[in-house]
PDB file of N, CA and C in Angstrom:
ATOM      1  N   MET A   1      19.325  28.780 -39.224  1.00  0.00           N
ATOM      2  CA  MET A   1      20.170  29.917 -38.911  1.00  0.00           C
ATOM      3  C   MET A   1      21.613  29.443 -38.834  1.00  0.00           C
ATOM      4  N   LYS A   2      22.467  30.236 -39.409  1.00  0.00           N
ATOM      5  CA  LYS A   2      23.890  29.980 -39.312  1.00  0.00           C
ATOM      6  C   LYS A   2      24.419  30.824 -38.158  1.00  0.00           C
ATOM      7  N   LEU A   3      24.923  30.166 -37.111  1.00  0.00           N
ATOM      8  CA  LEU A   3      25.417  30.853 -35.925  1.00  0.00           C
ATOM      9  C   LEU A   3      26.892  30.520 -35.739  1.00  0.00           C
ATOM     10  N   GLU A   4      27.729  31.516 -35.918  1.00  0.00           N
ATOM     11  CA  GLU A   4      29.171  31.328 -35.786  1.00  0.00           C
ATOM     12  C   GLU A   4      29.589  31.705 -34.368  1.00  0.00           C
ATOM     13  N   LYS A   5      30.391  30.838 -33.745  1.00  0.00           N
ATOM     14  CA  LYS A   5      30.864  31.081 -32.383  1.00  0.00           C
ATOM     15  C   LYS A   5      32.375  31.275 -32.393  1.00  0.00           C
ATOM     16  N   LYS A   6      32.813  32.336 -31.741  1.00  0.00           N
ATOM     17  CA  LYS A   6      34.244  32.613 -31.589  1.00  0.00           C
ATOM     18  C   LYS A   6      34.534  32.782 -30.109  1.00  0.00           C
ATOM     19  N   ILE A   7      35.561  32.107 -29.654  1.00  0.00           N
ATOM     20  CA  ILE A   7      35.953  32.215 -28.252  1.00  0.00           C
ATOM     21  C   ILE A   7      37.423  32.584 -28.204  1.00  0.00           C
ATOM     22  N   GLN A   8      37.700  33.682 -27.522  1.00  0.00           N
ATOM     23  CA  GLN A   8      39.079  34.141 -27.357  1.00  0.00           C
ATOM     24  C   GLN A   8      39.416  34.093 -25.874  1.00  0.00           C
ATOM     25  N   LEU A   9      40.528  33.463 -25.544  1.00  0.00           N
ATOM     26  CA  LEU A   9      40.922  33.297 -24.153  1.00  0.00           C
ATOM     27  C   LEU A   9      42.274  33.944 -23.896  1.00  0.00           C
ATOM     28  N   LYS A  10      42.393  34.575 -22.736  1.00  0.00           N
ATOM     29  CA  LYS A  10      43.653  35.192 -22.314  1.00  0.00           C
ATOM     30  C   LYS A  10      43.970  34.699 -20.909  1.00  0.00           C
ATOM     31  N   ASN A  11      45.023  33.958 -20.776  1.00  0.00           N
ATOM     32  CA  ASN A  11      45.471  33.410 -19.487  1.00  0.00           C
ATOM     33  C   ASN A  11      44.527  32.358 -18.916  1.00  0.00           C
ATOM     34  N   VAL A  12      43.636  31.810 -19.725  1.00  0.00           N
ATOM     35  CA  VAL A  12      42.722  30.756 -19.268  1.00  0.00           C
ATOM     36  C   VAL A  12      42.583  29.648 -20.324  1.00  0.00           C
ATOM     37  N   GLU A  13      43.595  29.475 -21.141  1.00  0.00           N
ATOM     38  CA  GLU A  13      43.528  28.491 -22.219  1.00  0.00           C
ATOM     39  C   GLU A  13      43.235  27.089 -21.691  1.00  0.00           C
ATOM     40  N   HIS A  14      43.724  26.771 -20.502  1.00  0.00           N
ATOM     41  CA  HIS A  14      43.492  25.444 -19.919  1.00  0.00           C
ATOM     42  C   HIS A  14      42.023  25.204 -19.563  1.00  0.00           C
ATOM     43  N   ASP A  15      41.212  26.259 -19.549  1.00  0.00           N
ATOM     44  CA  ASP A  15      39.781  26.140 -19.254  1.00  0.00           C
ATOM     45  C   ASP A  15      38.923  26.173 -20.514  1.00  0.00           C
ATOM     46  N   ARG A  16      39.517  26.052 -21.689  1.00  0.00           N
ATOM     47  CA  ARG A  16      38.785  26.151 -22.952  1.00  0.00           C
ATOM     48  C   ARG A  16      37.616  25.167 -23.006  1.00  0.00           C
ATOM     49  N   GLY A  17      37.831  23.923 -22.609  1.00  0.00           N
ATOM     50  CA  GLY A  17      36.767  22.919 -22.648  1.00  0.00           C
ATOM     51  C   GLY A  17      35.573  23.306 -21.792  1.00  0.00           C
ATOM     52  N   VAL A  18      35.836  23.824 -20.619  1.00  0.00           N
ATOM     53  CA  VAL A  18      34.768  24.245 -19.711  1.00  0.00           C
ATOM     54  C   VAL A  18      33.997  25.416 -20.319  1.00  0.00           C
ATOM     55  N   ILE A  19      34.711  26.374 -20.870  1.00  0.00           N
ATOM     56  CA  ILE A  19      34.070  27.554 -21.440  1.00  0.00           C
ATOM     57  C   ILE A  19      33.234  27.174 -22.663  1.00  0.00           C
ATOM     58  N   GLU A  20      33.760  26.316 -23.530  1.00  0.00           N
ATOM     59  CA  GLU A  20      32.992  25.871 -24.692  1.00  0.00           C
ATOM     60  C   GLU A  20      31.728  25.132 -24.268  1.00  0.00           C
ATOM     61  N   ARG A  21      31.829  24.311 -23.231  1.00  0.00           N
ATOM     62  CA  ARG A  21      30.651  23.594 -22.717  1.00  0.00           C
ATOM     63  C   ARG A  21      29.622  24.578 -22.172  1.00  0.00           C
ATOM     64  N   LEU A  22      30.071  25.577 -21.433  1.00  0.00           N
ATOM     65  CA  LEU A  22      29.149  26.575 -20.877  1.00  0.00           C
ATOM     66  C   LEU A  22      28.440  27.361 -21.981  1.00  0.00           C
ATOM     67  N   VAL A  23      29.163  27.709 -23.026  1.00  0.00           N
ATOM     68  CA  VAL A  23      28.550  28.430 -24.147  1.00  0.00           C
ATOM     69  C   VAL A  23      27.466  27.561 -24.780  1.00  0.00           C
ATOM     70  N   GLU A  24      27.780  26.303 -25.045  1.00  0.00           N
ATOM     71  CA  GLU A  24      26.793  25.400 -25.656  1.00  0.00           C
ATOM     72  C   GLU A  24      25.582  25.203 -24.755  1.00  0.00           C
ATOM     73  N   GLU A  25      25.804  25.024 -23.457  1.00  0.00           N
ATOM     74  CA  GLU A  25      24.684  24.846 -22.525  1.00  0.00           C
ATOM     75  C   GLU A  25      23.789  26.072 -22.496  1.00  0.00           C
ATOM     76  N   ASN A  26      24.389  27.246 -22.528  1.00  0.00           N
ATOM     77  CA  ASN A  26      23.591  28.472 -22.523  1.00  0.00           C
ATOM     78  C   ASN A  26      22.815  28.637 -23.819  1.00  0.00           C
ATOM     79  N   LEU A  27      23.449  28.333 -24.940  1.00  0.00           N
ATOM     80  CA  LEU A  27      22.769  28.485 -26.225  1.00  0.00           C
ATOM     81  C   LEU A  27      21.653  27.471 -26.407  1.00  0.00           C
ATOM     82  N   THR A  28      21.870  26.228 -26.008  1.00  0.00           N
ATOM     83  CA  THR A  28      20.869  25.194 -26.244  1.00  0.00           C
ATOM     84  C   THR A  28      19.838  25.106 -25.125  1.00  0.00           C
ATOM     85  N   GLY A  29      20.217  25.445 -23.920  1.00  0.00           N
ATOM     86  CA  GLY A  29      19.285  25.319 -22.811  1.00  0.00           C
ATOM     87  C   GLY A  29      18.570  26.596 -22.436  1.00  0.00           C
ATOM     88  N   LYS A  30      19.298  27.677 -22.423  1.00  0.00           N
ATOM     89  CA  LYS A  30      18.758  28.935 -21.931  1.00  0.00           C
ATOM     90  C   LYS A  30      18.215  29.825 -23.051  1.00  0.00           C
ATOM     91  N   LEU A  31      18.854  29.790 -24.206  1.00  0.00           N
ATOM     92  CA  LEU A  31      18.537  30.762 -25.254  1.00  0.00           C
ATOM     93  C   LEU A  31      17.900  30.179 -26.499  1.00  0.00           C
ATOM     94  N   ASP A  32      17.757  28.879 -26.600  1.00  0.00           N
ATOM     95  CA  ASP A  32      17.279  28.284 -27.849  1.00  0.00           C
ATOM     96  C   ASP A  32      15.915  28.815 -28.272  1.00  0.00           C
ATOM     97  N   ALA A  33      15.002  28.971 -27.356  1.00  0.00           N
ATOM     98  CA  ALA A  33      13.666  29.468 -27.708  1.00  0.00           C
ATOM     99  C   ALA A  33      13.727  30.917 -28.206  1.00  0.00           C
ATOM    100  N   TYR A  34      14.593  31.718 -27.618  1.00  0.00           N
ATOM    101  CA  TYR A  34      14.718  33.120 -28.016  1.00  0.00           C
ATOM    102  C   TYR A  34      15.389  33.243 -29.383  1.00  0.00           C
ATOM    103  N   ILE A  35      16.410  32.436 -29.609  1.00  0.00           N
ATOM    104  CA  ILE A  35      17.124  32.471 -30.883  1.00  0.00           C
ATOM    105  C   ILE A  35      16.241  31.926 -31.997  1.00  0.00           C
ATOM    106  N   ASN A  36      15.449  30.907 -31.696  1.00  0.00           N
ATOM    107  CA  ASN A  36      14.570  30.320 -32.709  1.00  0.00           C
ATOM    108  C   ASN A  36      13.537  31.322 -33.218  1.00  0.00           C
ATOM    109  N   LYS A  37      13.143  32.286 -32.381  1.00  0.00           N
ATOM    110  CA  LYS A  37      12.199  33.319 -32.828  1.00  0.00           C
ATOM    111  C   LYS A  37      12.789  34.166 -33.947  1.00  0.00           C
ATOM    112  N   LEU A  38      14.110  34.294 -33.971  1.00  0.00           N
ATOM    113  CA  LEU A  38      14.786  35.113 -34.973  1.00  0.00           C
ATOM    114  C   LEU A  38      15.230  34.289 -36.174  1.00  0.00           C
ATOM    115  N   ASP A  39      15.009  32.988 -36.121  1.00  0.00           N
ATOM    116  CA  ASP A  39      15.519  32.082 -37.142  1.00  0.00           C
ATOM    117  C   ASP A  39      14.794  32.268 -38.466  1.00  0.00           C
ATOM    118  N   GLY A  40      15.561  32.299 -39.518  1.00  0.00           N
ATOM    119  CA  GLY A  40      15.038  32.367 -40.880  1.00  0.00           C
ATOM    120  C   GLY A  40      16.042  31.716 -41.812  1.00  0.00           C
ATOM    121  N   GLU A  41      15.650  31.517 -43.050  1.00  0.00           N
ATOM    122  CA  GLU A  41      16.539  30.849 -43.998  1.00  0.00           C
ATOM    123  C   GLU A  41      17.865  31.578 -44.186  1.00  0.00           C
ATOM    124  N   ASP A  42      17.811  32.888 -44.253  1.00  0.00           N
ATOM    125  CA  ASP A  42      19.033  33.647 -44.508  1.00  0.00           C
ATOM    126  C   ASP A  42      19.544  34.383 -43.267  1.00  0.00           C
ATOM    127  N   THR A  43      19.069  34.010 -42.102  1.00  0.00           N
ATOM    128  CA  THR A  43      19.489  34.653 -40.869  1.00  0.00           C
ATOM    129  C   THR A  43      20.878  34.160 -40.475  1.00  0.00           C
ATOM    130  N   GLU A  44      21.746  35.104 -40.161  1.00  0.00           N
ATOM    131  CA  GLU A  44      23.091  34.773 -39.716  1.00  0.00           C
ATOM    132  C   GLU A  44      23.329  35.425 -38.370  1.00  0.00           C
ATOM    133  N   GLY A  45      24.173  34.782 -37.586  1.00  0.00           N
ATOM    134  CA  GLY A  45      24.506  35.323 -36.289  1.00  0.00           C
ATOM    135  C   GLY A  45      25.939  35.017 -35.924  1.00  0.00           C
ATOM    136  N   GLU A  46      26.453  35.835 -35.025  1.00  0.00           N
ATOM    137  CA  GLU A  46      27.819  35.636 -34.551  1.00  0.00           C
ATOM    138  C   GLU A  46      27.857  35.898 -33.055  1.00  0.00           C
ATOM    139  N   ILE A  47      28.525  35.011 -32.369  1.00  0.00           N
ATOM    140  CA  ILE A  47      28.736  35.160 -30.933  1.00  0.00           C
ATOM    141  C   ILE A  47      30.234  35.178 -30.707  1.00  0.00           C
ATOM    142  N   TRP A  48      30.707  36.219 -30.056  1.00  0.00           N
ATOM    143  CA  TRP A  48      32.128  36.351 -29.792  1.00  0.00           C
ATOM    144  C   TRP A  48      32.295  36.555 -28.290  1.00  0.00           C
ATOM    145  N   LEU A  49      32.953  35.602 -27.649  1.00  0.00           N
ATOM    146  CA  LEU A  49      33.171  35.643 -26.208  1.00  0.00           C
ATOM    147  C   LEU A  49      34.663  35.779 -25.937  1.00  0.00           C
ATOM    148  N   VAL A  50      35.013  36.742 -25.108  1.00  0.00           N
ATOM    149  CA  VAL A  50      36.400  36.930 -24.677  1.00  0.00           C
ATOM    150  C   VAL A  50      36.426  36.748 -23.162  1.00  0.00           C
ATOM    151  N   VAL A  51      37.292  35.853 -22.707  1.00  0.00           N
ATOM    152  CA  VAL A  51      37.438  35.620 -21.273  1.00  0.00           C
ATOM    153  C   VAL A  51      38.916  35.727 -20.931  1.00  0.00           C
ATOM    154  N   GLU A  52      39.206  36.434 -19.845  1.00  0.00           N
ATOM    155  CA  GLU A  52      40.593  36.555 -19.406  1.00  0.00           C
ATOM    156  C   GLU A  52      40.673  36.480 -17.887  1.00  0.00           C
ATOM    157  N   LYS A  53      41.815  36.022 -17.422  1.00  0.00           N
ATOM    158  CA  LYS A  53      42.103  36.044 -15.991  1.00  0.00           C
ATOM    159  C   LYS A  53      42.908  37.309 -15.732  1.00  0.00           C
ATOM    160  N   ASN A  54      42.451  38.103 -14.767  1.00  0.00           N
ATOM    161  CA  ASN A  54      43.138  39.367 -14.508  1.00  0.00           C
ATOM    162  C   ASN A  54      44.274  39.193 -13.501  1.00  0.00           C
ATOM    163  N   LYS A  55      44.890  40.293 -13.114  1.00  0.00           N
ATOM    164  CA  LYS A  55      46.056  40.255 -12.229  1.00  0.00           C
ATOM    165  C   LYS A  55      45.732  39.754 -10.831  1.00  0.00           C
ATOM    166  N   THR A  56      44.470  39.812 -10.445  1.00  0.00           N
ATOM    167  CA  THR A  56      44.068  39.351  -9.112  1.00  0.00           C
ATOM    168  C   THR A  56      43.515  37.927  -9.149  1.00  0.00           C
ATOM    169  N   ASN A  57      43.772  37.205 -10.253  1.00  0.00           N
ATOM    170  CA  ASN A  57      43.309  35.823 -10.438  1.00  0.00           C
ATOM    171  C   ASN A  57      41.791  35.702 -10.470  1.00  0.00           C
ATOM    172  N   ARG A  58      41.138  36.738 -10.904  1.00  0.00           N
ATOM    173  CA  ARG A  58      39.699  36.711 -11.131  1.00  0.00           C
ATOM    174  C   ARG A  58      39.447  36.810 -12.626  1.00  0.00           C
ATOM    175  N   PHE A  59      38.189  36.672 -13.022  1.00  0.00           N
ATOM    176  CA  PHE A  59      37.862  36.585 -14.443  1.00  0.00           C
ATOM    177  C   PHE A  59      37.115  37.814 -14.938  1.00  0.00           C
ATOM    178  N   ASN A  60      37.483  38.248 -16.143  1.00  0.00           N
ATOM    179  CA  ASN A  60      36.790  39.313 -16.864  1.00  0.00           C
ATOM    180  C   ASN A  60      36.223  38.701 -18.137  1.00  0.00           C
ATOM    181  N   GLY A  61      35.101  39.222 -18.600  1.00  0.00           N
ATOM    182  CA  GLY A  61      34.521  38.684 -19.821  1.00  0.00           C
ATOM    183  C   GLY A  61      33.790  39.725 -20.638  1.00  0.00           C
ATOM    184  N   ILE A  62      33.795  39.502 -21.938  1.00  0.00           N
ATOM    185  CA  ILE A  62      33.062  40.341 -22.882  1.00  0.00           C
ATOM    186  C   ILE A  62      32.293  39.409 -23.807  1.00  0.00           C
ATOM    187  N   LEU A  63      31.021  39.699 -24.000  1.00  0.00           N
ATOM    188  CA  LEU A  63      30.187  38.938 -24.917  1.00  0.00           C
ATOM    189  C   LEU A  63      29.606  39.904 -25.937  1.00  0.00           C
ATOM    190  N   ASN A  64      29.945  39.694 -27.200  1.00  0.00           N
ATOM    191  CA  ASN A  64      29.387  40.469 -28.315  1.00  0.00           C
ATOM    192  C   ASN A  64      28.567  39.517 -29.162  1.00  0.00           C
ATOM    193  N   VAL A  65      27.333  39.901 -29.446  1.00  0.00           N
ATOM    194  CA  VAL A  65      26.431  39.055 -30.214  1.00  0.00           C
ATOM    195  C   VAL A  65      25.792  39.894 -31.313  1.00  0.00           C
ATOM    196  N   SER A  66      25.749  39.320 -32.497  1.00  0.00           N
ATOM    197  CA  SER A  66      25.080  39.944 -33.627  1.00  0.00           C
ATOM    198  C   SER A  66      24.181  38.890 -34.259  1.00  0.00           C
ATOM    199  N   ILE A  67      22.870  39.141 -34.235  1.00  0.00           N
ATOM    200  CA  ILE A  67      21.906  38.209 -34.812  1.00  0.00           C
ATOM    201  C   ILE A  67      20.896  39.011 -35.615  1.00  0.00           C
ATOM    202  N   ASP A  68      20.772  38.668 -36.875  1.00  0.00           N
ATOM    203  CA  ASP A  68      19.769  39.265 -37.747  1.00  0.00           C
ATOM    204  C   ASP A  68      19.826  40.802 -37.722  1.00  0.00           C
ATOM    205  N   GLY A  69      21.050  41.344 -37.744  1.00  0.00           N
ATOM    206  CA  GLY A  69      21.228  42.792 -37.767  1.00  0.00           C
ATOM    207  C   GLY A  69      21.133  43.475 -36.413  1.00  0.00           C
ATOM    208  N   LYS A  70      20.839  42.731 -35.377  1.00  0.00           N
ATOM    209  CA  LYS A  70      20.762  43.290 -34.030  1.00  0.00           C
ATOM    210  C   LYS A  70      22.067  42.965 -33.304  1.00  0.00           C
ATOM    211  N   THR A  71      22.611  43.938 -32.585  1.00  0.00           N
ATOM    212  CA  THR A  71      23.862  43.715 -31.873  1.00  0.00           C
ATOM    213  C   THR A  71      23.660  43.921 -30.379  1.00  0.00           C
ATOM    214  N   PHE A  72      24.389  43.132 -29.627  1.00  0.00           N
ATOM    215  CA  PHE A  72      24.337  43.178 -28.173  1.00  0.00           C
ATOM    216  C   PHE A  72      25.767  43.119 -27.647  1.00  0.00           C
ATOM    217  N   HIS A  73      26.037  43.881 -26.585  1.00  0.00           N
ATOM    218  CA  HIS A  73      27.373  43.925 -25.997  1.00  0.00           C
ATOM    219  C   HIS A  73      27.242  43.877 -24.472  1.00  0.00           C
ATOM    220  N   TYR A  74      28.023  43.001 -23.871  1.00  0.00           N
ATOM    221  CA  TYR A  74      28.017  42.863 -22.412  1.00  0.00           C
ATOM    222  C   TYR A  74      29.458  42.703 -21.942  1.00  0.00           C
ATOM    223  N   ALA A  75      29.802  43.334 -20.839  1.00  0.00           N
ATOM    224  CA  ALA A  75      31.145  43.222 -20.270  1.00  0.00           C
ATOM    225  C   ALA A  75      31.022  43.170 -18.749  1.00  0.00           C
ATOM    226  N   ARG A  76      31.739  42.242 -18.163  1.00  0.00           N
ATOM    227  CA  ARG A  76      31.747  42.101 -16.698  1.00  0.00           C
ATOM    228  C   ARG A  76      33.180  41.855 -16.250  1.00  0.00           C
ATOM    229  N   GLU A  77      33.492  42.315 -15.041  1.00  0.00           N
ATOM    230  CA  GLU A  77      34.858  42.198 -14.535  1.00  0.00           C
ATOM    231  C   GLU A  77      34.872  41.643 -13.118  1.00  0.00           C
ATOM    232  N   ASP A  78      36.002  41.035 -12.798  1.00  0.00           N
ATOM    233  CA  ASP A  78      36.347  40.656 -11.432  1.00  0.00           C
ATOM    234  C   ASP A  78      35.439  39.580 -10.831  1.00  0.00           C
ATOM    235  N   TYR A  79      35.121  38.567 -11.613  1.00  0.00           N
ATOM    236  CA  TYR A  79      34.335  37.439 -11.115  1.00  0.00           C
ATOM    237  C   TYR A  79      35.254  36.378 -10.539  1.00  0.00           C
ATOM    238  N   LYS A  80      34.904  35.871  -9.393  1.00  0.00           N
ATOM    239  CA  LYS A  80      35.684  34.803  -8.763  1.00  0.00           C
ATOM    240  C   LYS A  80      35.456  33.473  -9.481  1.00  0.00           C
ATOM    241  N   SER A  81      34.231  33.257  -9.964  1.00  0.00           N
ATOM    242  CA  SER A  81      33.856  32.001 -10.601  1.00  0.00           C
ATOM    243  C   SER A  81      33.723  32.175 -12.113  1.00  0.00           C
ATOM    244  N   LEU A  82      34.446  31.366 -12.854  1.00  0.00           N
ATOM    245  CA  LEU A  82      34.359  31.371 -14.310  1.00  0.00           C
ATOM    246  C   LEU A  82      32.958  30.993 -14.779  1.00  0.00           C
ATOM    247  N   VAL A  83      32.359  30.018 -14.135  1.00  0.00           N
ATOM    248  CA  VAL A  83      31.005  29.567 -14.474  1.00  0.00           C
ATOM    249  C   VAL A  83      30.005  30.706 -14.285  1.00  0.00           C
ATOM    250  N   ASP A  84      30.092  31.397 -13.155  1.00  0.00           N
ATOM    251  CA  ASP A  84      29.176  32.506 -12.889  1.00  0.00           C
ATOM    252  C   ASP A  84      29.329  33.622 -13.919  1.00  0.00           C
ATOM    253  N   LEU A  85      30.574  33.904 -14.318  1.00  0.00           N
ATOM    254  CA  LEU A  85      30.818  34.957 -15.303  1.00  0.00           C
ATOM    255  C   LEU A  85      30.133  34.634 -16.626  1.00  0.00           C
ATOM    256  N   VAL A  86      30.385  33.453 -17.166  1.00  0.00           N
ATOM    257  CA  VAL A  86      29.819  33.090 -18.466  1.00  0.00           C
ATOM    258  C   VAL A  86      28.300  33.042 -18.395  1.00  0.00           C
ATOM    259  N   ASN A  87      27.767  32.412 -17.368  1.00  0.00           N
ATOM    260  CA  ASN A  87      26.308  32.335 -17.227  1.00  0.00           C
ATOM    261  C   ASN A  87      25.678  33.721 -17.076  1.00  0.00           C
ATOM    262  N   HIS A  88      26.326  34.600 -16.346  1.00  0.00           N
ATOM    263  CA  HIS A  88      25.803  35.954 -16.137  1.00  0.00           C
ATOM    264  C   HIS A  88      25.749  36.730 -17.455  1.00  0.00           C
ATOM    265  N   LEU A  89      26.788  36.612 -18.269  1.00  0.00           N
ATOM    266  CA  LEU A  89      26.794  37.292 -19.561  1.00  0.00           C
ATOM    267  C   LEU A  89      25.630  36.816 -20.424  1.00  0.00           C
ATOM    268  N   PHE A  90      25.390  35.506 -20.450  1.00  0.00           N
ATOM    269  CA  PHE A  90      24.296  34.970 -21.254  1.00  0.00           C
ATOM    270  C   PHE A  90      22.928  35.278 -20.642  1.00  0.00           C
ATOM    271  N   ASP A  91      22.854  35.453 -19.327  1.00  0.00           N
ATOM    272  CA  ASP A  91      21.594  35.872 -18.696  1.00  0.00           C
ATOM    273  C   ASP A  91      21.164  37.238 -19.233  1.00  0.00           C
ATOM    274  N   HIS A  92      22.125  38.143 -19.373  1.00  0.00           N
ATOM    275  CA  HIS A  92      21.805  39.472 -19.899  1.00  0.00           C
ATOM    276  C   HIS A  92      21.359  39.396 -21.354  1.00  0.00           C
ATOM    277  N   LEU A  93      21.989  38.521 -22.128  1.00  0.00           N
ATOM    278  CA  LEU A  93      21.563  38.334 -23.512  1.00  0.00           C
ATOM    279  C   LEU A  93      20.139  37.795 -23.565  1.00  0.00           C
ATOM    280  N   LYS A  94      19.832  36.841 -22.720  1.00  0.00           N
ATOM    281  CA  LYS A  94      18.484  36.267 -22.673  1.00  0.00           C
ATOM    282  C   LYS A  94      17.454  37.355 -22.360  1.00  0.00           C
ATOM    283  N   GLU A  95      17.773  38.198 -21.413  1.00  0.00           N
ATOM    284  CA  GLU A  95      16.854  39.285 -21.033  1.00  0.00           C
ATOM    285  C   GLU A  95      16.590  40.214 -22.215  1.00  0.00           C
ATOM    286  N   ASP A  96      17.643  40.575 -22.939  1.00  0.00           N
ATOM    287  CA  ASP A  96      17.478  41.475 -24.074  1.00  0.00           C
ATOM    288  C   ASP A  96      16.761  40.809 -25.246  1.00  0.00           C
ATOM    289  N   LEU A  97      17.040  39.531 -25.502  1.00  0.00           N
ATOM    290  CA  LEU A  97      16.343  38.821 -26.572  1.00  0.00           C
ATOM    291  C   LEU A  97      14.862  38.662 -26.255  1.00  0.00           C
ATOM    292  N   GLY A  98      14.526  38.583 -24.973  1.00  0.00           N
ATOM    293  CA  GLY A  98      13.127  38.483 -24.576  1.00  0.00           C
ATOM    294  C   GLY A  98      12.331  39.738 -24.858  1.00  0.00           C
ATOM    295  N   LYS A  99      13.006  40.845 -25.038  1.00  0.00           N
ATOM    296  CA  LYS A  99      12.344  42.122 -25.321  1.00  0.00           C
ATOM    297  C   LYS A  99      12.051  42.313 -26.808  1.00  0.00           C
ATOM    298  N   ILE A 100      12.610  41.443 -27.633  1.00  0.00           N
ATOM    299  CA  ILE A 100      12.428  41.579 -29.089  1.00  0.00           C
ATOM    300  C   ILE A 100      11.109  40.967 -29.510  1.00  0.00           C
TER     301      ILE A 100
END
């Protein structure tokens, strides 16, 4: 499977390394079994994560995923912890992929 990852950051560019690590950990540790079920020779996927720090110094995030013609969208706001925000978004993706 070809899986393209896009990460867009607003006011959190200095945390890019942490966010990229969290995305990889979620994909390889939490979601690999679910994604492998959809894997095929011509299967393509895209993960687009947007993370921003809001005016109250908390984090907002949007996760858009498209795999094998299926699309998923998640948005969360006002998280104190960047780690919790990213993990929470991927938890919802895991739940939905488990239903397929």
